[in-house]
C-alpha atoms as a PDB file:
ATOM      1  CA  UNK A   1      48.842 305.201  79.197  1.00  0.00           C
ATOM      2  CA  UNK A   2      50.573 303.193  76.549  1.00  0.00           C
ATOM      3  CA  UNK A   3      50.995 300.189  78.863  1.00  0.00           C
ATOM      4  CA  UNK A   4      47.234 299.816  78.944  1.00  0.00           C
ATOM      5  CA  UNK A   5      47.304 299.207  75.179  1.00  0.00           C
ATOM      6  CA  UNK A   6      49.856 296.344  75.206  1.00  0.00           C
ATOM      7  CA  UNK A   7      48.012 293.037  75.732  1.00  0.00           C
ATOM      8  CA  UNK A   8      49.649 289.911  77.089  1.00  0.00           C
ATOM      9  CA  UNK A   9      47.950 286.595  76.517  1.00  0.00           C
ATOM     10  CA  UNK A  10      49.230 283.403  78.259  1.00  0.00           C
ATOM     11  CA  UNK A  11      48.629 279.746  77.618  1.00  0.00           C
ATOM     12  CA  UNK A  12      50.371 276.943  79.736  1.00  0.00           C
ATOM     13  CA  UNK A  13      50.834 273.239  79.535  1.00  0.00           C
ATOM     14  CA  UNK A  14      52.479 270.587  81.617  1.00  0.00           C
ATOM     15  CA  UNK A  15      55.548 268.885  79.905  1.00  0.00           C
ATOM     16  CA  UNK A  16      56.077 265.580  81.744  1.00  0.00           C
ATOM     17  CA  UNK A  17      58.387 264.384  78.898  1.00  0.00           C
ATOM     18  CA  UNK A  18      60.880 267.110  79.759  1.00  0.00           C
ATOM     19  CA  UNK A  19      62.042 265.545  82.985  1.00  0.00           C
ATOM     20  CA  UNK A  20      63.144 262.006  83.901  1.00  0.00           C
ATOM     21  CA  UNK A  21      60.230 259.747  84.972  1.00  0.00           C
ATOM     22  CA  UNK A  22      61.659 259.507  88.500  1.00  0.00           C
ATOM     23  CA  UNK A  23      61.933 263.326  88.882  1.00  0.00           C
ATOM     24  CA  UNK A  24      60.160 264.929  91.753  1.00  0.00           C
ATOM     25  CA  UNK A  25      59.829 268.184  89.810  1.00  0.00           C
ATOM     26  CA  UNK A  26      57.273 269.420  87.282  1.00  0.00           C
ATOM     27  CA  UNK A  27      58.017 271.147  83.923  1.00  0.00           C
ATOM     28  CA  UNK A  28      55.758 273.576  82.362  1.00  0.00           C
ATOM     29  CA  UNK A  29      55.702 275.564  79.048  1.00  0.00           C
ATOM     30  CA  UNK A  30      54.172 278.911  78.782  1.00  0.00           C
ATOM     31  CA  UNK A  31      53.242 280.471  75.415  1.00  0.00           C
ATOM     32  CA  UNK A  32      52.985 284.222  75.415  1.00  0.00           C
ATOM     33  CA  UNK A  33      51.449 286.521  72.821  1.00  0.00           C
ATOM     34  CA  UNK A  34      52.228 290.238  73.232  1.00  0.00           C
ATOM     35  CA  UNK A  35      49.836 292.413  71.143  1.00  0.00           C
ATOM     36  CA  UNK A  36      50.590 296.134  70.521  1.00  0.00           C
ATOM     37  CA  UNK A  37      47.051 297.790  70.458  1.00  0.00           C
ATOM     38  CA  UNK A  38      48.751 301.271  70.752  1.00  0.00           C
ATOM     39  CA  UNK A  39      49.616 303.715  68.001  1.00  0.00           C
ATOM     40  CA  UNK A  40      53.303 303.625  68.803  1.00  0.00           C
ATOM     41  CA  UNK A  41      56.185 301.202  67.970  1.00  0.00           C
ATOM     42  CA  UNK A  42      57.520 299.537  71.102  1.00  0.00           C
ATOM     43  CA  UNK A  43      60.444 297.289  71.906  1.00  0.00           C
ATOM     44  CA  UNK A  44      60.559 294.687  74.559  1.00  0.00           C
ATOM     45  CA  UNK A  45      63.712 295.523  76.569  1.00  0.00           C
ATOM     46  CA  UNK A  46      63.617 293.106  79.545  1.00  0.00           C
ATOM     47  CA  UNK A  47      61.457 290.792  81.569  1.00  0.00           C
ATOM     48  CA  UNK A  48      60.824 289.914  85.220  1.00  0.00           C
ATOM     49  CA  UNK A  49      59.129 286.800  86.555  1.00  0.00           C
ATOM     50  CA  UNK A  50      58.259 285.595  90.036  1.00  0.00           C
ATOM     51  CA  UNK A  51      57.555 281.889  89.898  1.00  0.00           C
ATOM     52  CA  UNK A  52      55.941 280.333  93.063  1.00  0.00           C
ATOM     53  CA  UNK A  53      55.094 276.704  93.743  1.00  0.00           C
ATOM     54  CA  UNK A  54      52.281 275.395  95.971  1.00  0.00           C
ATOM     55  CA  UNK A  55      54.659 275.217  99.016  1.00  0.00           C
ATOM     56  CA  UNK A  56      55.206 278.951  98.676  1.00  0.00           C
ATOM     57  CA  UNK A  57      58.782 278.612  97.499  1.00  0.00           C
ATOM     58  CA  UNK A  58      59.428 281.395  94.981  1.00  0.00           C
ATOM     59  CA  UNK A  59      62.212 282.305  92.581  1.00  0.00           C
ATOM     60  CA  UNK A  60      62.776 285.370  90.464  1.00  0.00           C
ATOM     61  CA  UNK A  61      63.995 285.537  86.882  1.00  0.00           C
ATOM     62  CA  UNK A  62      64.987 288.759  85.191  1.00  0.00           C
ATOM     63  CA  UNK A  63      67.074 289.652  82.240  1.00  0.00           C
ATOM     64  CA  UNK A  64      67.317 291.265  78.861  1.00  0.00           C
ATOM     65  CA  UNK A  65      64.494 290.474  76.304  1.00  0.00           C
ATOM     66  CA  UNK A  66      62.830 287.061  75.969  1.00  0.00           C
ATOM     67  CA  UNK A  67      64.326 283.901  74.455  1.00  0.00           C
ATOM     68  CA  UNK A  68      67.469 285.867  73.522  1.00  0.00           C
ATOM     69  CA  UNK A  69      65.460 288.522  71.524  1.00  0.00           C
ATOM     70  CA  UNK A  70      64.426 292.140  72.165  1.00  0.00           C
ATOM     71  CA  UNK A  71      61.555 292.272  69.689  1.00  0.00           C
ATOM     72  CA  UNK A  72      60.260 295.491  68.113  1.00  0.00           C
ATOM     73  CA  UNK A  73      56.485 295.354  67.940  1.00  0.00           C
ATOM     74  CA  UNK A  74      54.779 297.742  65.479  1.00  0.00           C
ATOM     75  CA  UNK A  75      51.279 299.184  66.119  1.00  0.00           C
ATOM     76  CA  UNK A  76      48.670 296.398  65.444  1.00  0.00           C
ATOM     77  CA  UNK A  77      51.327 293.686  65.352  1.00  0.00           C
ATOM     78  CA  UNK A  78      52.114 290.964  67.854  1.00  0.00           C
ATOM     79  CA  UNK A  79      55.046 288.825  68.981  1.00  0.00           C
ATOM     80  CA  UNK A  80      54.773 285.196  70.205  1.00  0.00           C
ATOM     81  CA  UNK A  81      57.229 283.079  72.061  1.00  0.00           C
ATOM     82  CA  UNK A  82      57.292 279.920  74.230  1.00  0.00           C
ATOM     83  CA  UNK A  83      59.512 279.324  77.259  1.00  0.00           C
ATOM     84  CA  UNK A  84      59.331 277.190  80.311  1.00  0.00           C
ATOM     85  CA  UNK A  85      59.595 276.809  84.052  1.00  0.00           C
ATOM     86  CA  UNK A  86      60.380 273.897  86.473  1.00  0.00           C
ATOM     87  CA  UNK A  87      58.805 273.886  89.939  1.00  0.00           C
ATOM     88  CA  UNK A  88      58.705 271.395  92.847  1.00  0.00           C
ATOM     89  CA  UNK A  89      54.907 270.965  93.020  1.00  0.00           C
ATOM     90  CA  UNK A  90      52.238 269.928  90.463  1.00  0.00           C
ATOM     91  CA  UNK A  91      50.650 273.393  90.886  1.00  0.00           C
ATOM     92  CA  UNK A  92      52.152 276.842  91.001  1.00  0.00           C
ATOM     93  CA  UNK A  93      51.952 280.312  89.451  1.00  0.00           C
ATOM     94  CA  UNK A  94      53.795 283.018  87.708  1.00  0.00           C
ATOM     95  CA  UNK A  95      53.506 286.750  87.376  1.00  0.00           C
ATOM     96  CA  UNK A  96      55.750 289.622  86.350  1.00  0.00           C
ATOM     97  CA  UNK A  97      56.231 292.353  83.857  1.00  0.00           C
ATOM     98  CA  UNK A  98      57.915 293.412  80.644  1.00  0.00           C
ATOM     99  CA  UNK A  99      59.950 296.607  80.496  1.00  0.00           C
ATOM    100  CA  UNK A 100      59.161 298.249  77.094  1.00  0.00           C
ATOM    101  CA  UNK A 101      60.698 301.176  75.334  1.00  0.00           C
ATOM    102  CA  UNK A 102      58.892 303.694  73.084  1.00  0.00           C
ATOM    103  CA  UNK A 103      60.468 305.024  69.963  1.00  0.00           C
ATOM    104  CA  UNK A 104      61.195 308.344  71.804  1.00  0.00           C
ATOM    105  CA  UNK A 105      63.243 306.480  74.461  1.00  0.00           C
ATOM    106  CA  UNK A 106      60.592 306.506  77.114  1.00  0.00           C
ATOM    107  CA  UNK A 107      60.346 303.343  79.124  1.00  0.00           C
ATOM    108  CA  UNK A 108      57.352 301.753  80.806  1.00  0.00           C
ATOM    109  CA  UNK A 109      56.302 298.475  82.363  1.00  0.00           C
ATOM    110  CA  UNK A 110      53.576 296.076  81.139  1.00  0.00           C
ATOM    111  CA  UNK A 111      52.361 294.065  84.075  1.00  0.00           C
ATOM    112  CA  UNK A 112      51.644 290.322  83.515  1.00  0.00           C
ATOM    113  CA  UNK A 113      48.857 289.096  85.748  1.00  0.00           C
ATOM    114  CA  UNK A 114      49.179 285.891  87.819  1.00  0.00           C
ATOM    115  CA  UNK A 115      48.707 282.800  85.730  1.00  0.00           C
ATOM    116  CA  UNK A 116      48.543 279.179  86.922  1.00  0.00           C
ATOM    117  CA  UNK A 117      50.943 276.353  86.178  1.00  0.00           C
ATOM    118  CA  UNK A 118      49.094 273.066  86.856  1.00  0.00           C
ATOM    119  CA  UNK A 119      49.261 269.407  85.804  1.00  0.00           C
ATOM    120  CA  UNK A 120      46.231 268.786  83.766  1.00  0.00           C
ATOM    121  CA  UNK A 121      43.164 267.498  85.764  1.00  0.00           C
ATOM    122  CA  UNK A 122      44.883 268.004  89.146  1.00  0.00           C
ATOM    123  CA  UNK A 123      42.374 270.673  89.977  1.00  0.00           C
ATOM    124  CA  UNK A 124      38.788 269.785  89.664  1.00  0.00           C
END
């Protein structure tokens, strides 16, 4: 299956400077690299995220593309972008999927495994 050949790598970091010092929320950036290891050209059509904080409060984000783009990723190529999330606790997680389209118009989902959002050194 083509979805098995689309690799998603995630790096996260806490962004304390993005909120006022008296804020009770926590801002995080996530940097995503999508690598097309298939033999087909694909286009990222939409994304879906479930963002959950340590209290179990969760929100969903979905929409066309990522950061205002619907990138076409050729075989052997990759696409990088950085976005962010704000949650109410110093630890949380995200998971979701990208909906992709093949050049023949067929669509498929690429799952994005759970990844952690955490203030540095909060978990030992």
